[in-house]
Amino acid sequence: MRDLSFEQRIEAQKRSSKMRSVASRYSTALLFFGPYLFFFSLFFLYPLIRGFVDSFFFWNFGDSISDMRFVGWQNYQNILFSNPDFPLAHEWFTTGLGHTVLFVILTVPFLIVIPLIIALLLNKKPWGEGFFRALFFLPNVLSVATVCLIFKYVFNTSMGLVRTLPYQSEETAAWTVLVITTLWWTVGNNMVILNAGLKQVDKSLYEAATIDGCGQFKQVFYITLPQIGNQILICTITTVIASFNVYGQSALITNGGPFESTMMFIQRVLQFKNNPSAGTGGAGVANAMCILFSLIIIAISIIQLIISRDRSGSPRKRRIIKKKSKEAI
């Protein structure tokens, strides 16, 4: 340091000070994000990578690493195409996925429309608005086990409040109970998001529409819905993902019955661990099923984003707007 000139010493001190500033800034950020990154890597990133790697091996639950045999894409082929040597892989994947898709179709529209109607009513600021908002959201804080236990007694055919839905013996009744339970449990979450979005809508738009003679229903379709499009998109994507991951309702209320008509995808995956008839190599197939299932959910979410995105900035629409502006001039 002594052999350096005055200008070089000043420059070295600046670099040292800058490095200490950067280190201090990143150390502060790491202090806050470090615990989250640790648990995220431990409970999400590592299982995801390990599951993807294990899906290329032939192994059973409880086997050691030395017992694992690399089979490449064979597990995926057994799932996507019927294999006489491993018939349950394709059967359980298709039936579990089919029942889960049916559950999504039956629940997601209601979980968007009903919360939207409740949010619109609450946005009118009726008497007891805060009470009703808390009342609709309260079931969302309950665990799935608590909710399922409540509705299992509510729809009990011998001593329940509603005895006309024999969900243990009739398929239609079982699906009805599952949908009602899910709606009662989760409708409040989307209601809160949509209600918050409605409060951000500019009130002058409604005043202008009222002056122009626009009725209440037209205001909803032409003003309200476009203004809360982002909130509706968020609710749709999160609701679809949550519905695809359904497990507790079917496992705790119907136990996959009657006659496995409500056996969801996650239950099918767990059967490879709990059912001896699944045969050997079930762990590798179960991992492959989960990877394919995740890819399906990601693909559906991307499609929703593409379909629902704001197209106002598309080149074609810009050309149309520019053409109309020239015509107006």
C-alpha atoms as a PDB file:
ATOM      1  CA  MET A   1       0.000   0.000   0.000  1.00  0.00           C
ATOM      2  CA  ARG A   2       2.902   2.347   0.766  1.00  0.00           C
ATOM      3  CA  ASP A   3       4.397   1.761  -2.722  1.00  0.00           C
ATOM      4  CA  LEU A   4       1.219   3.085  -4.360  1.00  0.00           C
ATOM      5  CA  SER A   5       0.777   6.683  -5.378  1.00  0.00           C
ATOM      6  CA  PHE A   6      -1.691   8.988  -3.697  1.00  0.00           C
ATOM      7  CA  GLU A   7      -4.239   8.610  -6.504  1.00  0.00           C
ATOM      8  CA  GLN A   8      -3.903   4.794  -6.465  1.00  0.00           C
ATOM      9  CA  ARG A   9      -4.420   4.686  -2.692  1.00  0.00           C
ATOM     10  CA  ILE A  10      -7.568   6.800  -3.017  1.00  0.00           C
ATOM     11  CA  GLU A  11      -8.868   4.520  -5.776  1.00  0.00           C
ATOM     12  CA  ALA A  12      -8.116   1.407  -3.702  1.00  0.00           C
ATOM     13  CA  GLN A  13      -9.932   2.885  -0.713  1.00  0.00           C
ATOM     14  CA  LYS A  14     -12.953   3.652  -2.921  1.00  0.00           C
ATOM     15  CA  ARG A  15     -13.029   0.082  -4.241  1.00  0.00           C
ATOM     16  CA  SER A  16     -12.701  -1.299  -0.712  1.00  0.00           C
ATOM     17  CA  SER A  17     -15.473   0.970   0.552  1.00  0.00           C
ATOM     18  CA  LYS A  18     -17.711  -0.020  -2.353  1.00  0.00           C
ATOM     19  CA  MET A  19     -17.113  -3.737  -1.714  1.00  0.00           C
ATOM     20  CA  ARG A  20     -17.923  -3.305   1.979  1.00  0.00           C
ATOM     21  CA  SER A  21     -21.123  -1.440   1.054  1.00  0.00           C
ATOM     22  CA  VAL A  22     -22.194  -4.191  -1.352  1.00  0.00           C
ATOM     23  CA  ALA A  23     -21.362  -6.897   1.183  1.00  0.00           C
ATOM     24  CA  SER A  24     -23.315  -5.077   3.868  1.00  0.00           C
ATOM     25  CA  ARG A  25     -26.327  -4.649   1.593  1.00  0.00           C
ATOM     26  CA  TYR A  26     -26.385  -8.277   0.492  1.00  0.00           C
ATOM     27  CA  SER A  27     -25.770  -9.540   4.031  1.00  0.00           C
ATOM     28  CA  THR A  28     -28.817  -7.593   5.225  1.00  0.00           C
ATOM     29  CA  ALA A  29     -30.942  -9.040   2.418  1.00  0.00           C
ATOM     30  CA  LEU A  30     -29.618 -12.526   3.159  1.00  0.00           C
ATOM     31  CA  LEU A  31     -30.520 -12.083   6.818  1.00  0.00           C
ATOM     32  CA  PHE A  32     -34.174 -11.609   5.878  1.00  0.00           C
ATOM     33  CA  PHE A  33     -34.419 -13.994   2.930  1.00  0.00           C
ATOM     34  CA  GLY A  34     -32.030 -16.638   4.228  1.00  0.00           C
ATOM     35  CA  PRO A  35     -34.514 -18.546   6.439  1.00  0.00           C
ATOM     36  CA  TYR A  36     -37.109 -18.539   3.680  1.00  0.00           C
ATOM     37  CA  LEU A  37     -34.615 -19.725   1.061  1.00  0.00           C
ATOM     38  CA  PHE A  38     -33.418 -22.461   3.399  1.00  0.00           C
ATOM     39  CA  PHE A  39     -36.871 -23.907   4.059  1.00  0.00           C
ATOM     40  CA  PHE A  40     -37.928 -23.354   0.429  1.00  0.00           C
ATOM     41  CA  SER A  41     -34.940 -25.378  -0.741  1.00  0.00           C
ATOM     42  CA  LEU A  42     -35.390 -28.023   1.945  1.00  0.00           C
ATOM     43  CA  PHE A  43     -39.124 -28.655   1.581  1.00  0.00           C
ATOM     44  CA  PHE A  44     -39.805 -27.691  -2.048  1.00  0.00           C
ATOM     45  CA  LEU A  45     -36.749 -27.442  -4.270  1.00  0.00           C
ATOM     46  CA  TYR A  46     -34.960 -30.561  -3.024  1.00  0.00           C
ATOM     47  CA  PRO A  47     -38.089 -32.808  -3.076  1.00  0.00           C
ATOM     48  CA  LEU A  48     -38.897 -31.530  -6.573  1.00  0.00           C
ATOM     49  CA  ILE A  49     -35.442 -32.324  -7.944  1.00  0.00           C
ATOM     50  CA  ARG A  50     -35.252 -35.623  -6.045  1.00  0.00           C
ATOM     51  CA  GLY A  51     -38.690 -36.656  -7.291  1.00  0.00           C
ATOM     52  CA  PHE A  52     -37.771 -35.868 -10.886  1.00  0.00           C
ATOM     53  CA  VAL A  53     -34.538 -37.882 -10.623  1.00  0.00           C
ATOM     54  CA  ASP A  54     -36.230 -40.815  -8.869  1.00  0.00           C
ATOM     55  CA  SER A  55     -38.903 -40.978 -11.576  1.00  0.00           C
ATOM     56  CA  PHE A  56     -36.276 -42.483 -13.901  1.00  0.00           C
ATOM     57  CA  PHE A  57     -35.564 -45.395 -11.544  1.00  0.00           C
ATOM     58  CA  PHE A  58     -37.270 -48.682 -10.780  1.00  0.00           C
ATOM     59  CA  TRP A  59     -37.592 -48.875  -7.003  1.00  0.00           C
ATOM     60  CA  ASN A  60     -40.018 -49.434  -4.133  1.00  0.00           C
ATOM     61  CA  PHE A  61     -40.743 -47.455  -1.008  1.00  0.00           C
ATOM     62  CA  GLY A  62     -38.260 -48.442   1.662  1.00  0.00           C
ATOM     63  CA  ASP A  63     -35.545 -49.546  -0.779  1.00  0.00           C
ATOM     64  CA  SER A  64     -32.000 -48.316  -0.304  1.00  0.00           C
ATOM     65  CA  ILE A  65     -30.146 -46.336  -2.966  1.00  0.00           C
ATOM     66  CA  SER A  66     -28.232 -49.441  -4.002  1.00  0.00           C
ATOM     67  CA  ASP A  67     -31.516 -51.215  -4.836  1.00  0.00           C
ATOM     68  CA  MET A  68     -32.611 -48.535  -7.305  1.00  0.00           C
ATOM     69  CA  ARG A  69     -32.332 -49.532 -10.975  1.00  0.00           C
ATOM     70  CA  PHE A  70     -32.220 -46.925 -13.757  1.00  0.00           C
ATOM     71  CA  VAL A  71     -34.968 -47.494 -16.353  1.00  0.00           C
ATOM     72  CA  GLY A  72     -35.015 -44.151 -18.162  1.00  0.00           C
ATOM     73  CA  TRP A  73     -38.390 -43.149 -19.579  1.00  0.00           C
ATOM     74  CA  GLN A  74     -39.958 -46.553 -18.924  1.00  0.00           C
ATOM     75  CA  ASN A  75     -42.012 -45.296 -15.955  1.00  0.00           C
ATOM     76  CA  TYR A  76     -43.482 -42.528 -18.099  1.00  0.00           C
ATOM     77  CA  GLN A  77     -44.285 -44.986 -20.863  1.00  0.00           C
ATOM     78  CA  ASN A  78     -46.053 -47.248 -18.381  1.00  0.00           C
ATOM     79  CA  ILE A  79     -48.183 -44.303 -17.294  1.00  0.00           C
ATOM     80  CA  LEU A  80     -49.063 -42.862 -20.689  1.00  0.00           C
ATOM     81  CA  PHE A  81     -49.501 -46.192 -22.479  1.00  0.00           C
ATOM     82  CA  SER A  82     -51.027 -49.387 -21.195  1.00  0.00           C
ATOM     83  CA  ASN A  83     -48.394 -51.969 -20.301  1.00  0.00           C
ATOM     84  CA  PRO A  84     -49.513 -55.553 -19.549  1.00  0.00           C
ATOM     85  CA  ASP A  85     -46.575 -55.951 -17.165  1.00  0.00           C
ATOM     86  CA  PHE A  86     -47.643 -52.891 -15.163  1.00  0.00           C
ATOM     87  CA  PRO A  87     -51.360 -52.267 -15.960  1.00  0.00           C
ATOM     88  CA  LEU A  88     -52.221 -50.254 -12.845  1.00  0.00           C
ATOM     89  CA  ALA A  89     -49.936 -47.344 -13.748  1.00  0.00           C
ATOM     90  CA  HIS A  90     -51.948 -46.277 -16.811  1.00  0.00           C
ATOM     91  CA  GLU A  91     -55.317 -47.146 -15.261  1.00  0.00           C
ATOM     92  CA  TRP A  92     -54.775 -45.282 -12.007  1.00  0.00           C
ATOM     93  CA  PHE A  93     -53.273 -42.258 -13.760  1.00  0.00           C
ATOM     94  CA  THR A  94     -56.158 -41.836 -16.207  1.00  0.00           C
ATOM     95  CA  THR A  95     -58.944 -42.488 -13.693  1.00  0.00           C
ATOM     96  CA  GLY A  96     -57.384 -40.306 -10.986  1.00  0.00           C
ATOM     97  CA  LEU A  97     -56.731 -37.480 -13.452  1.00  0.00           C
ATOM     98  CA  GLY A  98     -60.235 -37.811 -14.900  1.00  0.00           C
ATOM     99  CA  HIS A  99     -61.904 -37.558 -11.492  1.00  0.00           C
ATOM    100  CA  THR A 100     -59.719 -34.590 -10.572  1.00  0.00           C
ATOM    101  CA  VAL A 101     -60.553 -32.773 -13.826  1.00  0.00           C
ATOM    102  CA  LEU A 102     -64.248 -33.421 -13.166  1.00  0.00           C
ATOM    103  CA  PHE A 103     -63.863 -31.928  -9.687  1.00  0.00           C
ATOM    104  CA  VAL A 104     -62.207 -28.844 -11.207  1.00  0.00           C
ATOM    105  CA  ILE A 105     -65.029 -28.446 -13.730  1.00  0.00           C
ATOM    106  CA  LEU A 106     -67.690 -28.767 -11.026  1.00  0.00           C
ATOM    107  CA  THR A 107     -66.127 -26.394  -8.492  1.00  0.00           C
ATOM    108  CA  VAL A 108     -64.121 -23.663 -10.263  1.00  0.00           C
ATOM    109  CA  PRO A 109     -67.060 -21.878 -11.997  1.00  0.00           C
ATOM    110  CA  PHE A 110     -68.968 -21.704  -8.704  1.00  0.00           C
ATOM    111  CA  LEU A 111     -65.855 -20.563  -6.830  1.00  0.00           C
ATOM    112  CA  ILE A 112     -65.556 -17.600  -9.214  1.00  0.00           C
ATOM    113  CA  VAL A 113     -69.204 -16.636  -9.774  1.00  0.00           C
ATOM    114  CA  ILE A 114     -70.477 -16.972  -6.188  1.00  0.00           C
ATOM    115  CA  PRO A 115     -67.637 -14.924  -4.609  1.00  0.00           C
ATOM    116  CA  LEU A 116     -68.128 -12.299  -7.338  1.00  0.00           C
ATOM    117  CA  ILE A 117     -71.843 -11.992  -6.530  1.00  0.00           C
ATOM    118  CA  ILE A 118     -71.105 -11.747  -2.791  1.00  0.00           C
ATOM    119  CA  ALA A 119     -68.396  -9.140  -3.426  1.00  0.00           C
ATOM    120  CA  LEU A 120     -70.754  -7.073  -5.593  1.00  0.00           C
ATOM    121  CA  LEU A 121     -73.406  -7.144  -2.870  1.00  0.00           C
ATOM    122  CA  LEU A 122     -70.900  -6.189  -0.171  1.00  0.00           C
ATOM    123  CA  ASN A 123     -69.606  -3.391  -2.385  1.00  0.00           C
ATOM    124  CA  LYS A 124     -73.018  -1.738  -2.034  1.00  0.00           C
ATOM    125  CA  LYS A 125     -72.027  -1.211   1.623  1.00  0.00           C
ATOM    126  CA  PRO A 126     -75.061  -2.814   3.271  1.00  0.00           C
ATOM    127  CA  TRP A 127     -75.675  -2.767   7.004  1.00  0.00           C
ATOM    128  CA  GLY A 128     -73.204  -5.105   8.735  1.00  0.00           C
ATOM    129  CA  GLU A 129     -70.795  -5.216   5.794  1.00  0.00           C
ATOM    130  CA  GLY A 130     -67.790  -6.085   7.981  1.00  0.00           C
ATOM    131  CA  PHE A 131     -69.738  -8.782   9.812  1.00  0.00           C
ATOM    132  CA  PHE A 132     -70.833 -10.519   6.606  1.00  0.00           C
ATOM    133  CA  ARG A 133     -67.348 -10.271   5.106  1.00  0.00           C
ATOM    134  CA  ALA A 134     -65.897 -11.968   8.192  1.00  0.00           C
ATOM    135  CA  LEU A 135     -68.745 -14.504   8.183  1.00  0.00           C
ATOM    136  CA  PHE A 136     -68.036 -15.627   4.611  1.00  0.00           C
ATOM    137  CA  PHE A 137     -64.279 -15.709   5.142  1.00  0.00           C
ATOM    138  CA  LEU A 138     -64.337 -17.515   8.519  1.00  0.00           C
ATOM    139  CA  PRO A 139     -64.586 -21.100   7.122  1.00  0.00           C
ATOM    140  CA  ASN A 140     -61.402 -20.492   5.133  1.00  0.00           C
ATOM    141  CA  VAL A 141     -59.306 -20.500   8.328  1.00  0.00           C
ATOM    142  CA  LEU A 142     -60.496 -23.997   9.299  1.00  0.00           C
ATOM    143  CA  SER A 143     -58.440 -27.070   8.453  1.00  0.00           C
ATOM    144  CA  VAL A 144     -59.649 -29.540   5.866  1.00  0.00           C
ATOM    145  CA  ALA A 145     -60.040 -32.207   8.552  1.00  0.00           C
ATOM    146  CA  THR A 146     -62.351 -29.969  10.589  1.00  0.00           C
ATOM    147  CA  VAL A 147     -64.451 -29.026   7.574  1.00  0.00           C
ATOM    148  CA  CYS A 148     -64.794 -32.619   6.408  1.00  0.00           C
ATOM    149  CA  LEU A 149     -65.751 -33.794   9.896  1.00  0.00           C
ATOM    150  CA  ILE A 150     -68.479 -31.136  10.073  1.00  0.00           C
ATOM    151  CA  PHE A 151     -70.010 -32.030   6.718  1.00  0.00           C
ATOM    152  CA  LYS A 152     -69.666 -35.729   7.339  1.00  0.00           C
ATOM    153  CA  TYR A 153     -72.093 -35.284  10.213  1.00  0.00           C
ATOM    154  CA  VAL A 154     -74.248 -32.759   8.348  1.00  0.00           C
ATOM    155  CA  PHE A 155     -74.898 -35.223   5.499  1.00  0.00           C
ATOM    156  CA  ASN A 156     -75.063 -38.332   7.687  1.00  0.00           C
ATOM    157  CA  THR A 157     -77.975 -40.388   6.367  1.00  0.00           C
ATOM    158  CA  SER A 158     -79.128 -41.520   9.812  1.00  0.00           C
ATOM    159  CA  MET A 159     -78.565 -38.563  12.154  1.00  0.00           C
ATOM    160  CA  GLY A 160     -77.446 -35.618  10.019  1.00  0.00           C
ATOM    161  CA  LEU A 161     -79.234 -32.367   9.228  1.00  0.00           C
ATOM    162  CA  VAL A 162     -79.473 -33.359   5.535  1.00  0.00           C
ATOM    163  CA  ARG A 163     -80.309 -37.047   5.124  1.00  0.00           C
ATOM    164  CA  THR A 164     -81.353 -37.070   1.473  1.00  0.00           C
ATOM    165  CA  LEU A 165     -77.850 -37.399   0.022  1.00  0.00           C
ATOM    166  CA  PRO A 166     -76.591 -40.981   0.475  1.00  0.00           C
ATOM    167  CA  TYR A 167     -73.023 -40.087  -0.504  1.00  0.00           C
ATOM    168  CA  GLN A 168     -71.668 -43.454   0.606  1.00  0.00           C
ATOM    169  CA  SER A 169     -73.728 -45.395  -1.934  1.00  0.00           C
ATOM    170  CA  GLU A 170     -74.654 -43.029  -4.791  1.00  0.00           C
ATOM    171  CA  GLU A 171     -72.096 -41.401  -7.067  1.00  0.00           C
ATOM    172  CA  THR A 172     -74.145 -38.251  -7.785  1.00  0.00           C
ATOM    173  CA  ALA A 173     -74.753 -37.679  -4.088  1.00  0.00           C
ATOM    174  CA  ALA A 174     -71.049 -38.135  -3.332  1.00  0.00           C
ATOM    175  CA  TRP A 175     -70.019 -35.520  -5.889  1.00  0.00           C
ATOM    176  CA  THR A 176     -72.715 -33.142  -4.635  1.00  0.00           C
ATOM    177  CA  VAL A 177     -71.430 -33.392  -1.074  1.00  0.00           C
ATOM    178  CA  LEU A 178     -67.837 -32.817  -2.193  1.00  0.00           C
ATOM    179  CA  VAL A 179     -68.789 -29.709  -4.196  1.00  0.00           C
ATOM    180  CA  ILE A 180     -70.928 -28.233  -1.395  1.00  0.00           C
ATOM    181  CA  THR A 181     -68.186 -28.846   1.158  1.00  0.00           C
ATOM    182  CA  THR A 182     -65.554 -27.205  -1.017  1.00  0.00           C
ATOM    183  CA  LEU A 183     -67.737 -24.190  -1.787  1.00  0.00           C
ATOM    184  CA  TRP A 184     -68.565 -23.561   1.877  1.00  0.00           C
ATOM    185  CA  TRP A 185     -64.923 -23.911   2.853  1.00  0.00           C
ATOM    186  CA  THR A 186     -63.134 -21.823   0.203  1.00  0.00           C
ATOM    187  CA  VAL A 187     -65.623 -19.319  -1.211  1.00  0.00           C
ATOM    188  CA  GLY A 188     -64.489 -16.610   1.222  1.00  0.00           C
ATOM    189  CA  ASN A 189     -60.928 -16.397  -0.077  1.00  0.00           C
ATOM    190  CA  ASN A 190     -61.896 -15.287  -3.582  1.00  0.00           C
ATOM    191  CA  MET A 191     -64.607 -13.053  -2.135  1.00  0.00           C
ATOM    192  CA  VAL A 192     -62.013 -11.038  -0.202  1.00  0.00           C
ATOM    193  CA  ILE A 193     -59.765 -10.649  -3.271  1.00  0.00           C
ATOM    194  CA  LEU A 194     -62.624  -9.566  -5.544  1.00  0.00           C
ATOM    195  CA  ASN A 195     -64.053  -7.239  -2.918  1.00  0.00           C
ATOM    196  CA  ALA A 196     -60.680  -5.538  -2.575  1.00  0.00           C
ATOM    197  CA  GLY A 197     -60.539  -5.134  -6.355  1.00  0.00           C
ATOM    198  CA  LEU A 198     -64.010  -3.569  -6.461  1.00  0.00           C
ATOM    199  CA  LYS A 199     -62.962  -0.903  -3.982  1.00  0.00           C
ATOM    200  CA  GLN A 200     -60.263   0.256  -6.415  1.00  0.00           C
ATOM    201  CA  VAL A 201     -62.695   0.910  -9.282  1.00  0.00           C
ATOM    202  CA  ASP A 202     -63.060   4.606 -10.066  1.00  0.00           C
ATOM    203  CA  LYS A 203     -66.522   5.738  -8.920  1.00  0.00           C
ATOM    204  CA  SER A 204     -66.657   8.401 -11.621  1.00  0.00           C
ATOM    205  CA  LEU A 205     -67.067   5.654 -14.212  1.00  0.00           C
ATOM    206  CA  TYR A 206     -70.338   4.590 -12.598  1.00  0.00           C
ATOM    207  CA  GLU A 207     -71.496   8.212 -12.359  1.00  0.00           C
ATOM    208  CA  ALA A 208     -70.802   8.777 -16.049  1.00  0.00           C
ATOM    209  CA  ALA A 209     -72.559   5.524 -16.961  1.00  0.00           C
ATOM    210  CA  THR A 210     -75.594   6.481 -14.864  1.00  0.00           C
ATOM    211  CA  ILE A 211     -75.821   9.859 -16.584  1.00  0.00           C
ATOM    212  CA  ASP A 212     -75.708   8.101 -19.967  1.00  0.00           C
ATOM    213  CA  GLY A 213     -78.622   5.887 -18.874  1.00  0.00           C
ATOM    214  CA  CYS A 214     -76.629   2.681 -18.319  1.00  0.00           C
ATOM    215  CA  GLY A 215     -78.409   0.249 -16.000  1.00  0.00           C
ATOM    216  CA  GLN A 216     -76.945  -1.731 -13.125  1.00  0.00           C
ATOM    217  CA  PHE A 217     -76.400  -4.923 -15.112  1.00  0.00           C
ATOM    218  CA  LYS A 218     -74.695  -3.121 -17.979  1.00  0.00           C
ATOM    219  CA  GLN A 219     -72.451  -1.317 -15.508  1.00  0.00           C
ATOM    220  CA  VAL A 220     -71.372  -4.674 -14.094  1.00  0.00           C
ATOM    221  CA  PHE A 221     -70.533  -6.151 -17.507  1.00  0.00           C
ATOM    222  CA  TYR A 222     -69.020  -3.079 -19.157  1.00  0.00           C
ATOM    223  CA  ILE A 223     -67.343  -1.361 -16.196  1.00  0.00           C
ATOM    224  CA  THR A 224     -66.943  -3.612 -13.168  1.00  0.00           C
ATOM    225  CA  LEU A 225     -65.750  -6.835 -14.768  1.00  0.00           C
ATOM    226  CA  PRO A 226     -63.146  -5.205 -17.065  1.00  0.00           C
ATOM    227  CA  GLN A 227     -61.813  -3.111 -14.167  1.00  0.00           C
ATOM    228  CA  ILE A 228     -61.269  -6.150 -11.915  1.00  0.00           C
ATOM    229  CA  GLY A 229     -59.986  -8.411 -14.681  1.00  0.00           C
ATOM    230  CA  ASN A 230     -56.625  -8.914 -12.956  1.00  0.00           C
ATOM    231  CA  GLN A 231     -58.279 -10.005  -9.716  1.00  0.00           C
ATOM    232  CA  ILE A 232     -60.538 -12.424 -11.592  1.00  0.00           C
ATOM    233  CA  LEU A 233     -57.500 -13.860 -13.380  1.00  0.00           C
ATOM    234  CA  ILE A 234     -55.637 -14.363 -10.088  1.00  0.00           C
ATOM    235  CA  CYS A 235     -58.664 -16.031  -8.504  1.00  0.00           C
ATOM    236  CA  THR A 236     -59.141 -18.293 -11.521  1.00  0.00           C
ATOM    237  CA  ILE A 237     -55.533 -19.484 -11.664  1.00  0.00           C
ATOM    238  CA  THR A 238     -55.185 -20.056  -7.909  1.00  0.00           C
ATOM    239  CA  THR A 239     -58.580 -21.776  -7.714  1.00  0.00           C
ATOM    240  CA  VAL A 240     -57.774 -24.116 -10.601  1.00  0.00           C
ATOM    241  CA  ILE A 241     -54.436 -25.068  -9.013  1.00  0.00           C
ATOM    242  CA  ALA A 242     -56.060 -25.597  -5.603  1.00  0.00           C
ATOM    243  CA  SER A 243     -58.853 -27.707  -7.109  1.00  0.00           C
ATOM    244  CA  PHE A 244     -56.360 -29.873  -8.988  1.00  0.00           C
ATOM    245  CA  ASN A 245     -54.631 -30.580  -5.660  1.00  0.00           C
ATOM    246  CA  VAL A 246     -57.833 -31.820  -4.023  1.00  0.00           C
ATOM    247  CA  TYR A 247     -57.289 -34.657  -1.592  1.00  0.00           C
ATOM    248  CA  GLY A 248     -58.739 -34.086   1.877  1.00  0.00           C
ATOM    249  CA  GLN A 249     -62.415 -33.827   0.923  1.00  0.00           C
ATOM    250  CA  SER A 250     -62.433 -37.077  -1.006  1.00  0.00           C
ATOM    251  CA  ALA A 251     -60.204 -38.948   1.431  1.00  0.00           C
ATOM    252  CA  LEU A 252     -62.033 -37.898   4.604  1.00  0.00           C
ATOM    253  CA  ILE A 253     -65.667 -37.783   3.450  1.00  0.00           C
ATOM    254  CA  THR A 254     -66.170 -40.372   0.703  1.00  0.00           C
ATOM    255  CA  ASN A 255     -62.849 -42.255   0.979  1.00  0.00           C
ATOM    256  CA  GLY A 256     -62.784 -42.367  -2.807  1.00  0.00           C
ATOM    257  CA  GLY A 257     -66.160 -44.087  -2.985  1.00  0.00           C
ATOM    258  CA  PRO A 258     -68.648 -45.217  -3.844  1.00  0.00           C
ATOM    259  CA  PHE A 259     -66.905 -47.798  -6.023  1.00  0.00           C
ATOM    260  CA  GLU A 260     -63.851 -45.513  -6.416  1.00  0.00           C
ATOM    261  CA  SER A 261     -65.955 -42.957  -8.323  1.00  0.00           C
ATOM    262  CA  THR A 262     -64.439 -40.044  -6.369  1.00  0.00           C
ATOM    263  CA  MET A 263     -60.880 -41.385  -6.153  1.00  0.00           C
ATOM    264  CA  MET A 264     -58.735 -38.330  -6.870  1.00  0.00           C
ATOM    265  CA  PHE A 265     -55.284 -38.212  -8.420  1.00  0.00           C
ATOM    266  CA  ILE A 266     -53.326 -37.791  -5.181  1.00  0.00           C
ATOM    267  CA  GLN A 267     -55.165 -40.765  -3.690  1.00  0.00           C
ATOM    268  CA  ARG A 268     -54.127 -42.852  -6.670  1.00  0.00           C
ATOM    269  CA  VAL A 269     -50.509 -41.840  -6.163  1.00  0.00           C
ATOM    270  CA  LEU A 270     -50.670 -42.852  -2.515  1.00  0.00           C
ATOM    271  CA  GLN A 271     -52.082 -46.233  -3.519  1.00  0.00           C
ATOM    272  CA  PHE A 272     -48.688 -47.193  -4.891  1.00  0.00           C
ATOM    273  CA  LYS A 273     -47.386 -46.949  -1.336  1.00  0.00           C
ATOM    274  CA  ASN A 274     -50.327 -48.368   0.592  1.00  0.00           C
ATOM    275  CA  ASN A 275     -51.663 -50.999  -1.815  1.00  0.00           C
ATOM    276  CA  PRO A 276     -49.605 -54.207  -2.244  1.00  0.00           C
ATOM    277  CA  SER A 277     -51.432 -54.978  -5.504  1.00  0.00           C
ATOM    278  CA  ALA A 278     -49.609 -52.064  -7.133  1.00  0.00           C
ATOM    279  CA  GLY A 279     -46.642 -54.358  -7.653  1.00  0.00           C
ATOM    280  CA  THR A 280     -42.949 -53.607  -7.619  1.00  0.00           C
ATOM    281  CA  GLY A 281     -41.442 -50.383  -8.869  1.00  0.00           C
ATOM    282  CA  GLY A 282     -44.413 -48.397  -7.621  1.00  0.00           C
ATOM    283  CA  ALA A 283     -42.327 -45.610  -6.081  1.00  0.00           C
ATOM    284  CA  GLY A 284     -40.706 -44.690  -9.382  1.00  0.00           C
ATOM    285  CA  VAL A 285     -44.063 -44.701 -11.155  1.00  0.00           C
ATOM    286  CA  ALA A 286     -45.610 -42.570  -8.403  1.00  0.00           C
ATOM    287  CA  ASN A 287     -42.867 -39.964  -8.836  1.00  0.00           C
ATOM    288  CA  ALA A 288     -43.369 -39.957 -12.600  1.00  0.00           C
ATOM    289  CA  MET A 289     -47.120 -39.494 -12.132  1.00  0.00           C
ATOM    290  CA  CYS A 290     -46.500 -36.469  -9.901  1.00  0.00           C
ATOM    291  CA  ILE A 291     -44.113 -34.924 -12.426  1.00  0.00           C
ATOM    292  CA  LEU A 292     -46.631 -35.337 -15.253  1.00  0.00           C
ATOM    293  CA  PHE A 293     -49.384 -33.955 -13.057  1.00  0.00           C
ATOM    294  CA  SER A 294     -47.286 -30.872 -12.239  1.00  0.00           C
ATOM    295  CA  LEU A 295     -46.577 -30.278 -15.924  1.00  0.00           C
ATOM    296  CA  ILE A 296     -50.305 -30.459 -16.681  1.00  0.00           C
ATOM    297  CA  ILE A 297     -51.090 -27.841 -14.011  1.00  0.00           C
ATOM    298  CA  ILE A 298     -48.301 -25.565 -15.284  1.00  0.00           C
ATOM    299  CA  ALA A 299     -49.556 -25.906 -18.865  1.00  0.00           C
ATOM    300  CA  ILE A 300     -53.131 -25.067 -17.835  1.00  0.00           C
ATOM    301  CA  SER A 301     -51.945 -22.009 -15.901  1.00  0.00           C
ATOM    302  CA  ILE A 302     -49.936 -20.758 -18.888  1.00  0.00           C
ATOM    303  CA  ILE A 303     -52.925 -21.253 -21.194  1.00  0.00           C
ATOM    304  CA  GLN A 304     -55.104 -19.271 -18.788  1.00  0.00           C
ATOM    305  CA  LEU A 305     -52.567 -16.441 -18.761  1.00  0.00           C
ATOM    306  CA  ILE A 306     -52.421 -16.366 -22.558  1.00  0.00           C
ATOM    307  CA  ILE A 307     -56.199 -16.401 -22.976  1.00  0.00           C
ATOM    308  CA  SER A 308     -56.960 -13.915 -20.186  1.00  0.00           C
ATOM    309  CA  ARG A 309     -54.150 -11.416 -20.729  1.00  0.00           C
ATOM    310  CA  ASP A 310     -54.915  -7.840 -21.703  1.00  0.00           C
ATOM    311  CA  ARG A 311     -54.742  -7.619 -25.491  1.00  0.00           C
ATOM    312  CA  SER A 312     -54.918  -3.859 -25.607  1.00  0.00           C
ATOM    313  CA  GLY A 313     -51.209  -3.674 -26.409  1.00  0.00           C
ATOM    314  CA  SER A 314     -51.271  -6.135 -29.281  1.00  0.00           C
ATOM    315  CA  PRO A 315     -49.882  -4.843 -32.605  1.00  0.00           C
ATOM    316  CA  ARG A 316     -53.156  -5.541 -34.414  1.00  0.00           C
ATOM    317  CA  LYS A 317     -55.202  -3.520 -31.942  1.00  0.00           C
ATOM    318  CA  ARG A 318     -52.713  -0.646 -32.041  1.00  0.00           C
ATOM    319  CA  ARG A 319     -53.078  -0.508 -35.824  1.00  0.00           C
ATOM    320  CA  ILE A 320     -56.878  -0.404 -35.516  1.00  0.00           C
ATOM    321  CA  ILE A 321     -56.753   2.389 -32.930  1.00  0.00           C
ATOM    322  CA  LYS A 322     -54.305   4.357 -35.062  1.00  0.00           C
ATOM    323  CA  LYS A 323     -56.500   3.939 -38.145  1.00  0.00           C
ATOM    324  CA  LYS A 324     -59.614   5.128 -36.308  1.00  0.00           C
ATOM    325  CA  SER A 325     -57.722   8.112 -34.942  1.00  0.00           C
ATOM    326  CA  LYS A 326     -56.680   9.139 -38.468  1.00  0.00           C
ATOM    327  CA  GLU A 327     -60.260   8.757 -39.693  1.00  0.00           C
ATOM    328  CA  ALA A 328     -61.518  10.928 -36.841  1.00  0.00           C
ATOM    329  CA  ILE A 329     -58.977  13.636 -37.719  1.00  0.00           C
END
